[in-house]
């Protein structure tokens, strides 16, 4: 190979993070998180099939502060992946490629994901009537 002083391809140390790139990476990460959520759901369902003692243990784990934190993260991942998937469907239809719409829909994905997560947890624990 010749010693060619060609510049290297740009990478994360050169590019500044943008809303679209951060949302894309987050979409992939939430997909991985949802795979782990499916495993946890399988564990929970299997524990119910193994009997009351096994199910009580699984419930105790999921109802602990750490279990609820994990479930909250799974809930956010589900809603984020859903909202960003709807955004991608718009792109598949050819809508939303200009910079203003890219940024606006990105911010809307974040707001909707957070709002749906909080609303679903409030519904699950009966806090909606107390607003």
C-alpha atoms as a PDB file:
ATOM      1  CA  UNK A   1       0.000   0.000   0.000  1.00  0.00           C
ATOM      2  CA  UNK A   2       1.249   3.423  -0.866  1.00  0.00           C
ATOM      3  CA  UNK A   3       1.576   6.092   1.793  1.00  0.00           C
ATOM      4  CA  UNK A   4      -1.286   8.219   0.507  1.00  0.00           C
ATOM      5  CA  UNK A   5      -2.062  11.176   2.819  1.00  0.00           C
ATOM      6  CA  UNK A   6      -5.766  11.074   1.954  1.00  0.00           C
ATOM      7  CA  UNK A   7      -8.124  12.332   4.643  1.00  0.00           C
ATOM      8  CA  UNK A   8     -10.086   9.800   6.650  1.00  0.00           C
ATOM      9  CA  UNK A   9     -13.830   9.546   6.371  1.00  0.00           C
ATOM     10  CA  UNK A  10     -15.649  11.828   8.849  1.00  0.00           C
ATOM     11  CA  UNK A  11     -16.917  10.130  11.993  1.00  0.00           C
ATOM     12  CA  UNK A  12     -18.405  10.912  15.403  1.00  0.00           C
ATOM     13  CA  UNK A  13     -15.352  12.886  16.533  1.00  0.00           C
ATOM     14  CA  UNK A  14     -15.834  15.331  13.677  1.00  0.00           C
ATOM     15  CA  UNK A  15     -19.601  15.576  13.322  1.00  0.00           C
ATOM     16  CA  UNK A  16     -21.647  17.438  15.882  1.00  0.00           C
ATOM     17  CA  UNK A  17     -24.673  15.418  17.085  1.00  0.00           C
ATOM     18  CA  UNK A  18     -27.916  16.522  15.455  1.00  0.00           C
ATOM     19  CA  UNK A  19     -31.501  15.830  16.435  1.00  0.00           C
ATOM     20  CA  UNK A  20     -31.960  13.384  13.568  1.00  0.00           C
ATOM     21  CA  UNK A  21     -28.810  11.393  14.301  1.00  0.00           C
ATOM     22  CA  UNK A  22     -29.524  11.188  18.029  1.00  0.00           C
ATOM     23  CA  UNK A  23     -33.107  10.081  17.359  1.00  0.00           C
ATOM     24  CA  UNK A  24     -31.898   7.455  14.901  1.00  0.00           C
ATOM     25  CA  UNK A  25     -29.441   5.999  17.398  1.00  0.00           C
ATOM     26  CA  UNK A  26     -32.093   6.103  20.130  1.00  0.00           C
ATOM     27  CA  UNK A  27     -34.556   4.301  17.834  1.00  0.00           C
ATOM     28  CA  UNK A  28     -32.083   1.459  17.396  1.00  0.00           C
ATOM     29  CA  UNK A  29     -31.325   1.316  21.125  1.00  0.00           C
ATOM     30  CA  UNK A  30     -34.999   1.215  22.064  1.00  0.00           C
ATOM     31  CA  UNK A  31     -35.434  -1.676  19.645  1.00  0.00           C
ATOM     32  CA  UNK A  32     -32.780  -3.598  21.575  1.00  0.00           C
ATOM     33  CA  UNK A  33     -34.389  -2.605  24.885  1.00  0.00           C
ATOM     34  CA  UNK A  34     -37.736  -3.909  23.629  1.00  0.00           C
ATOM     35  CA  UNK A  35     -36.130  -7.279  22.891  1.00  0.00           C
ATOM     36  CA  UNK A  36     -35.123  -7.472  26.569  1.00  0.00           C
ATOM     37  CA  UNK A  37     -38.639  -6.359  27.531  1.00  0.00           C
ATOM     38  CA  UNK A  38     -40.019  -9.301  25.552  1.00  0.00           C
ATOM     39  CA  UNK A  39     -37.755 -11.622  27.531  1.00  0.00           C
ATOM     40  CA  UNK A  40     -38.986 -10.115  30.803  1.00  0.00           C
ATOM     41  CA  UNK A  41     -42.596 -10.511  29.669  1.00  0.00           C
ATOM     42  CA  UNK A  42     -41.877 -14.160  28.837  1.00  0.00           C
ATOM     43  CA  UNK A  43     -40.379 -14.666  32.300  1.00  0.00           C
ATOM     44  CA  UNK A  44     -43.427 -13.079  33.933  1.00  0.00           C
ATOM     45  CA  UNK A  45     -45.871 -15.222  31.942  1.00  0.00           C
ATOM     46  CA  UNK A  46     -43.854 -18.386  32.545  1.00  0.00           C
ATOM     47  CA  UNK A  47     -43.768 -17.671  36.274  1.00  0.00           C
ATOM     48  CA  UNK A  48     -47.562 -17.561  36.257  1.00  0.00           C
ATOM     49  CA  UNK A  49     -47.612 -20.977  34.585  1.00  0.00           C
ATOM     50  CA  UNK A  50     -45.241 -22.453  37.205  1.00  0.00           C
ATOM     51  CA  UNK A  51     -47.566 -21.686  40.093  1.00  0.00           C
ATOM     52  CA  UNK A  52     -48.475 -19.116  42.726  1.00  0.00           C
ATOM     53  CA  UNK A  53     -45.113 -19.108  44.522  1.00  0.00           C
ATOM     54  CA  UNK A  54     -43.180 -18.503  41.336  1.00  0.00           C
ATOM     55  CA  UNK A  55     -45.604 -15.806  40.229  1.00  0.00           C
ATOM     56  CA  UNK A  56     -45.437 -14.102  43.627  1.00  0.00           C
ATOM     57  CA  UNK A  57     -41.637 -13.970  43.328  1.00  0.00           C
ATOM     58  CA  UNK A  58     -41.862 -12.448  39.849  1.00  0.00           C
ATOM     59  CA  UNK A  59     -44.426  -9.923  41.052  1.00  0.00           C
ATOM     60  CA  UNK A  60     -42.219  -8.978  43.994  1.00  0.00           C
ATOM     61  CA  UNK A  61     -39.312  -8.304  41.643  1.00  0.00           C
ATOM     62  CA  UNK A  62     -41.429  -6.245  39.254  1.00  0.00           C
ATOM     63  CA  UNK A  63     -43.103  -4.293  42.054  1.00  0.00           C
ATOM     64  CA  UNK A  64     -39.811  -3.307  43.694  1.00  0.00           C
ATOM     65  CA  UNK A  65     -38.420   0.175  43.063  1.00  0.00           C
ATOM     66  CA  UNK A  66     -35.864  -1.243  40.640  1.00  0.00           C
ATOM     67  CA  UNK A  67     -38.469  -3.349  38.854  1.00  0.00           C
ATOM     68  CA  UNK A  68     -40.713  -0.347  38.408  1.00  0.00           C
ATOM     69  CA  UNK A  69     -37.797   1.710  37.117  1.00  0.00           C
ATOM     70  CA  UNK A  70     -37.052  -1.001  34.543  1.00  0.00           C
ATOM     71  CA  UNK A  71     -40.732  -1.195  33.571  1.00  0.00           C
ATOM     72  CA  UNK A  72     -40.852   2.596  33.225  1.00  0.00           C
ATOM     73  CA  UNK A  73     -37.854   2.423  30.883  1.00  0.00           C
ATOM     74  CA  UNK A  74     -39.519  -0.341  28.890  1.00  0.00           C
ATOM     75  CA  UNK A  75     -42.693   1.735  28.648  1.00  0.00           C
ATOM     76  CA  UNK A  76     -40.779   4.750  27.374  1.00  0.00           C
ATOM     77  CA  UNK A  77     -38.924   2.549  24.884  1.00  0.00           C
ATOM     78  CA  UNK A  78     -42.196   1.148  23.589  1.00  0.00           C
ATOM     79  CA  UNK A  79     -43.777   4.569  23.074  1.00  0.00           C
ATOM     80  CA  UNK A  80     -40.604   6.090  21.636  1.00  0.00           C
ATOM     81  CA  UNK A  81     -40.206   3.245  19.159  1.00  0.00           C
ATOM     82  CA  UNK A  82     -43.901   3.531  18.220  1.00  0.00           C
ATOM     83  CA  UNK A  83     -43.846   7.308  17.726  1.00  0.00           C
ATOM     84  CA  UNK A  84     -40.582   7.277  15.803  1.00  0.00           C
ATOM     85  CA  UNK A  85     -41.879   4.377  13.701  1.00  0.00           C
ATOM     86  CA  UNK A  86     -44.890   6.496  12.738  1.00  0.00           C
ATOM     87  CA  UNK A  87     -42.443   9.262  11.807  1.00  0.00           C
ATOM     88  CA  UNK A  88     -40.593   6.790   9.585  1.00  0.00           C
ATOM     89  CA  UNK A  89     -43.866   5.811   7.916  1.00  0.00           C
ATOM     90  CA  UNK A  90     -44.291   9.460   6.964  1.00  0.00           C
ATOM     91  CA  UNK A  91     -40.843   9.359   5.407  1.00  0.00           C
ATOM     92  CA  UNK A  92     -41.788   6.213   3.494  1.00  0.00           C
ATOM     93  CA  UNK A  93     -44.665   8.195   2.004  1.00  0.00           C
ATOM     94  CA  UNK A  94     -42.246  10.956   0.997  1.00  0.00           C
ATOM     95  CA  UNK A  95     -43.338  13.461   3.651  1.00  0.00           C
ATOM     96  CA  UNK A  96     -41.204  15.376   6.115  1.00  0.00           C
ATOM     97  CA  UNK A  97     -37.736  15.482   4.572  1.00  0.00           C
ATOM     98  CA  UNK A  98     -37.081  19.217   4.792  1.00  0.00           C
ATOM     99  CA  UNK A  99     -35.054  20.371   7.799  1.00  0.00           C
ATOM    100  CA  UNK A 100     -37.866  22.222   9.538  1.00  0.00           C
ATOM    101  CA  UNK A 101     -40.176  19.186   9.451  1.00  0.00           C
ATOM    102  CA  UNK A 102     -37.329  16.845  10.431  1.00  0.00           C
ATOM    103  CA  UNK A 103     -36.605  18.849  13.562  1.00  0.00           C
ATOM    104  CA  UNK A 104     -40.265  19.488  14.387  1.00  0.00           C
ATOM    105  CA  UNK A 105     -41.260  15.827  14.080  1.00  0.00           C
ATOM    106  CA  UNK A 106     -38.190  14.833  16.090  1.00  0.00           C
ATOM    107  CA  UNK A 107     -39.185  17.089  18.955  1.00  0.00           C
ATOM    108  CA  UNK A 108     -42.785  15.855  18.673  1.00  0.00           C
ATOM    109  CA  UNK A 109     -41.579  12.240  18.943  1.00  0.00           C
ATOM    110  CA  UNK A 110     -39.762  13.048  22.187  1.00  0.00           C
ATOM    111  CA  UNK A 111     -42.688  14.988  23.676  1.00  0.00           C
ATOM    112  CA  UNK A 112     -45.261  12.364  22.645  1.00  0.00           C
ATOM    113  CA  UNK A 113     -43.126   9.525  24.004  1.00  0.00           C
ATOM    114  CA  UNK A 114     -42.685  11.202  27.361  1.00  0.00           C
ATOM    115  CA  UNK A 115     -46.338  12.236  27.546  1.00  0.00           C
ATOM    116  CA  UNK A 116     -47.668   8.789  26.634  1.00  0.00           C
ATOM    117  CA  UNK A 117     -45.329   7.131  29.122  1.00  0.00           C
ATOM    118  CA  UNK A 118     -46.390   9.366  32.000  1.00  0.00           C
ATOM    119  CA  UNK A 119     -50.065   9.142  31.037  1.00  0.00           C
ATOM    120  CA  UNK A 120     -50.015   5.346  30.848  1.00  0.00           C
ATOM    121  CA  UNK A 121     -48.340   5.092  34.264  1.00  0.00           C
ATOM    122  CA  UNK A 122     -50.847   7.512  35.729  1.00  0.00           C
ATOM    123  CA  UNK A 123     -53.674   5.422  34.267  1.00  0.00           C
ATOM    124  CA  UNK A 124     -52.104   2.209  35.560  1.00  0.00           C
ATOM    125  CA  UNK A 125     -51.807   3.499  39.107  1.00  0.00           C
ATOM    126  CA  UNK A 126     -55.076   5.424  39.218  1.00  0.00           C
ATOM    127  CA  UNK A 127     -53.677   8.956  39.390  1.00  0.00           C
ATOM    128  CA  UNK A 128     -55.552  10.358  36.395  1.00  0.00           C
ATOM    129  CA  UNK A 129     -58.719  11.039  38.395  1.00  0.00           C
ATOM    130  CA  UNK A 130     -56.655  12.995  40.925  1.00  0.00           C
ATOM    131  CA  UNK A 131     -55.350  15.581  38.434  1.00  0.00           C
END
